[in-house]
N, C-alpha and C. Protein backbone atom coordinates (compact mmCIF):
# COMPACT_ATOMS: atom_id res chain seq x y z
N MET A 1 29.89 -62.47 -71.55
CA MET A 1 29.12 -63.33 -72.43
C MET A 1 29.07 -62.70 -73.82
N VAL A 2 29.14 -63.52 -74.80
CA VAL A 2 29.04 -63.09 -76.19
C VAL A 2 27.58 -62.75 -76.49
N GLN A 3 27.37 -61.71 -77.30
CA GLN A 3 26.00 -61.36 -77.71
C GLN A 3 25.53 -62.44 -78.69
N LEU A 4 24.72 -63.37 -78.22
CA LEU A 4 24.30 -64.51 -79.02
C LEU A 4 23.27 -64.13 -80.08
N ILE A 5 22.32 -63.31 -79.69
CA ILE A 5 21.24 -62.91 -80.59
C ILE A 5 21.21 -61.38 -80.62
N PRO A 6 21.24 -60.78 -81.80
CA PRO A 6 21.17 -59.33 -81.86
C PRO A 6 19.92 -58.80 -81.15
N ALA A 7 20.10 -57.74 -80.38
CA ALA A 7 19.01 -57.07 -79.66
C ALA A 7 18.38 -57.93 -78.56
N ASN A 8 19.07 -59.00 -78.14
CA ASN A 8 18.56 -59.83 -77.04
C ASN A 8 19.77 -60.26 -76.20
N ALA A 9 20.00 -59.54 -75.13
CA ALA A 9 21.18 -59.79 -74.30
C ALA A 9 21.06 -61.03 -73.42
N ASN A 10 19.85 -61.50 -73.20
CA ASN A 10 19.66 -62.64 -72.32
C ASN A 10 18.63 -63.62 -72.90
N PRO A 11 18.99 -64.33 -73.98
CA PRO A 11 18.02 -65.21 -74.64
C PRO A 11 17.76 -66.49 -73.86
N THR A 12 16.56 -67.00 -74.01
CA THR A 12 16.21 -68.30 -73.44
C THR A 12 16.66 -69.40 -74.40
N MET A 13 16.61 -70.63 -73.94
CA MET A 13 16.96 -71.75 -74.82
C MET A 13 16.05 -71.79 -76.04
N SER A 14 14.78 -71.54 -75.83
CA SER A 14 13.82 -71.53 -76.93
C SER A 14 14.16 -70.45 -77.95
N GLU A 15 14.53 -69.27 -77.47
CA GLU A 15 14.89 -68.18 -78.37
C GLU A 15 16.17 -68.50 -79.15
N ILE A 16 17.11 -69.16 -78.50
CA ILE A 16 18.33 -69.57 -79.19
C ILE A 16 18.00 -70.59 -80.28
N ASP A 17 17.16 -71.57 -79.95
CA ASP A 17 16.75 -72.57 -80.94
C ASP A 17 16.09 -71.92 -82.15
N ASP A 18 15.15 -71.00 -81.89
CA ASP A 18 14.45 -70.31 -82.98
C ASP A 18 15.41 -69.50 -83.83
N TYR A 19 16.32 -68.79 -83.18
CA TYR A 19 17.28 -67.96 -83.90
C TYR A 19 18.18 -68.81 -84.81
N ILE A 20 18.68 -69.91 -84.28
CA ILE A 20 19.55 -70.78 -85.08
C ILE A 20 18.77 -71.37 -86.25
N ARG A 21 17.56 -71.84 -85.99
CA ARG A 21 16.73 -72.43 -87.03
C ARG A 21 16.44 -71.43 -88.15
N LYS A 22 16.08 -70.21 -87.79
CA LYS A 22 15.76 -69.18 -88.77
C LYS A 22 16.99 -68.69 -89.50
N SER A 23 18.12 -68.61 -88.80
CA SER A 23 19.35 -68.11 -89.41
C SER A 23 19.89 -69.06 -90.47
N TYR A 24 19.60 -70.34 -90.33
CA TYR A 24 20.10 -71.31 -91.30
C TYR A 24 19.39 -71.23 -92.65
N THR A 25 18.40 -70.36 -92.79
CA THR A 25 17.68 -70.26 -94.05
C THR A 25 18.31 -69.28 -95.03
N THR A 26 19.29 -68.48 -94.57
CA THR A 26 19.96 -67.53 -95.45
C THR A 26 21.47 -67.63 -95.30
N SER A 27 22.18 -67.27 -96.34
CA SER A 27 23.64 -67.34 -96.28
C SER A 27 24.19 -66.31 -95.29
N SER A 28 23.56 -65.15 -95.18
CA SER A 28 24.04 -64.16 -94.21
C SER A 28 23.76 -64.63 -92.78
N GLY A 29 22.68 -65.36 -92.60
CA GLY A 29 22.37 -65.92 -91.29
C GLY A 29 23.38 -66.97 -90.88
N VAL A 30 23.78 -67.82 -91.81
CA VAL A 30 24.79 -68.84 -91.54
C VAL A 30 26.11 -68.18 -91.18
N ALA A 31 26.46 -67.12 -91.90
CA ALA A 31 27.70 -66.39 -91.60
C ALA A 31 27.64 -65.78 -90.19
N ALA A 32 26.48 -65.26 -89.81
CA ALA A 32 26.33 -64.68 -88.47
C ALA A 32 26.48 -65.75 -87.40
N LEU A 33 25.90 -66.93 -87.63
CA LEU A 33 26.04 -68.03 -86.68
C LEU A 33 27.50 -68.44 -86.54
N LYS A 34 28.19 -68.56 -87.66
CA LYS A 34 29.60 -68.94 -87.61
C LYS A 34 30.42 -67.92 -86.84
N ASN A 35 30.10 -66.63 -86.99
CA ASN A 35 30.82 -65.59 -86.26
C ASN A 35 30.60 -65.71 -84.76
N VAL A 36 29.38 -65.98 -84.35
CA VAL A 36 29.08 -66.12 -82.92
C VAL A 36 29.84 -67.33 -82.36
N VAL A 37 29.81 -68.44 -83.08
CA VAL A 37 30.51 -69.64 -82.61
C VAL A 37 32.01 -69.38 -82.55
N ARG A 38 32.54 -68.67 -83.53
CA ARG A 38 33.97 -68.33 -83.53
C ARG A 38 34.32 -67.47 -82.31
N GLU A 39 33.47 -66.50 -81.99
CA GLU A 39 33.70 -65.65 -80.82
C GLU A 39 33.68 -66.47 -79.54
N ILE A 40 32.75 -67.41 -79.45
CA ILE A 40 32.66 -68.26 -78.25
C ILE A 40 33.91 -69.12 -78.14
N HIS A 41 34.36 -69.71 -79.24
CA HIS A 41 35.58 -70.52 -79.21
C HIS A 41 36.80 -69.67 -78.85
N SER A 42 36.85 -68.45 -79.34
CA SER A 42 37.96 -67.55 -79.02
C SER A 42 37.96 -67.21 -77.53
N LYS A 43 36.78 -66.96 -77.01
CA LYS A 43 36.64 -66.65 -75.58
C LYS A 43 37.12 -67.84 -74.75
N SER A 44 36.70 -69.02 -75.12
CA SER A 44 37.10 -70.23 -74.42
C SER A 44 38.60 -70.47 -74.54
N GLY A 45 39.13 -70.24 -75.74
CA GLY A 45 40.56 -70.43 -75.98
C GLY A 45 41.42 -69.48 -75.19
N ALA A 46 40.86 -68.34 -74.81
CA ALA A 46 41.60 -67.36 -74.01
C ALA A 46 41.54 -67.69 -72.53
N GLY A 47 40.85 -68.77 -72.20
CA GLY A 47 40.79 -69.22 -70.81
C GLY A 47 39.60 -68.70 -70.03
N ALA A 48 38.71 -67.98 -70.68
CA ALA A 48 37.52 -67.47 -69.99
C ALA A 48 36.49 -68.59 -69.81
N LEU A 49 35.79 -68.51 -68.71
CA LEU A 49 34.71 -69.47 -68.49
C LEU A 49 33.54 -69.12 -69.38
N LEU A 50 32.89 -70.14 -69.91
CA LEU A 50 31.74 -69.91 -70.78
C LEU A 50 30.46 -69.84 -69.96
N HIS A 51 29.60 -68.95 -70.36
CA HIS A 51 28.26 -68.85 -69.78
C HIS A 51 27.47 -70.06 -70.27
N PRO A 52 26.56 -70.60 -69.48
CA PRO A 52 25.76 -71.74 -69.94
C PRO A 52 25.05 -71.49 -71.27
N ALA A 53 24.62 -70.26 -71.52
CA ALA A 53 23.96 -69.95 -72.80
C ALA A 53 24.94 -70.06 -73.96
N ASP A 54 26.20 -69.69 -73.72
CA ASP A 54 27.23 -69.84 -74.76
C ASP A 54 27.41 -71.32 -75.11
N GLU A 55 27.51 -72.14 -74.08
CA GLU A 55 27.68 -73.58 -74.30
C GLU A 55 26.47 -74.17 -75.03
N TYR A 56 25.28 -73.73 -74.63
CA TYR A 56 24.06 -74.22 -75.28
C TYR A 56 24.02 -73.81 -76.74
N PHE A 57 24.40 -72.57 -77.03
CA PHE A 57 24.40 -72.08 -78.41
C PHE A 57 25.31 -72.95 -79.28
N VAL A 58 26.51 -73.22 -78.80
CA VAL A 58 27.46 -74.02 -79.57
C VAL A 58 26.93 -75.44 -79.75
N SER A 59 26.34 -76.01 -78.71
CA SER A 59 25.83 -77.38 -78.84
C SER A 59 24.67 -77.45 -79.83
N ARG A 60 23.77 -76.48 -79.80
CA ARG A 60 22.64 -76.47 -80.74
C ARG A 60 23.11 -76.20 -82.16
N TYR A 61 24.06 -75.28 -82.32
CA TYR A 61 24.63 -75.01 -83.64
C TYR A 61 25.26 -76.29 -84.20
N SER A 62 26.02 -76.99 -83.38
CA SER A 62 26.67 -78.23 -83.82
C SER A 62 25.64 -79.28 -84.20
N ALA A 63 24.57 -79.38 -83.43
CA ALA A 63 23.53 -80.36 -83.72
C ALA A 63 22.83 -80.05 -85.04
N VAL A 64 22.54 -78.79 -85.28
CA VAL A 64 21.88 -78.40 -86.53
C VAL A 64 22.83 -78.63 -87.70
N LEU A 65 24.09 -78.27 -87.52
CA LEU A 65 25.09 -78.46 -88.57
C LEU A 65 25.23 -79.95 -88.91
N GLU A 66 25.26 -80.78 -87.88
CA GLU A 66 25.38 -82.23 -88.08
C GLU A 66 24.15 -82.78 -88.79
N HIS A 67 23.00 -82.28 -88.43
CA HIS A 67 21.75 -82.74 -89.03
C HIS A 67 21.65 -82.32 -90.51
N ARG A 68 22.18 -81.14 -90.83
CA ARG A 68 22.13 -80.63 -92.21
C ARG A 68 23.07 -81.37 -93.14
N ASN A 69 24.13 -81.94 -92.58
CA ASN A 69 25.11 -82.65 -93.42
C ASN A 69 24.80 -84.07 -93.53
C-alpha cells in the first residue's frame, strides 16, 4: 500500500477526507496529493492490486478536483 498520509500508515476514510481537504489549501499540499495519486496509478499500472484505501483516496481526490474546477 502507498503511504497515503505522512505519519499515518492506516488512515480511516475520515482521515483521508480531512487530509485531502486540508492539503488543497496550499500549493505544496496539492503537489503532495498529486504525487500520492501518481504512485497509486503507477502501482495499478504495474499490475498490483490496489488496497481499498488507495482506491478511496483516488476517488476522493478526483471528486475534490472535479468540484474545484
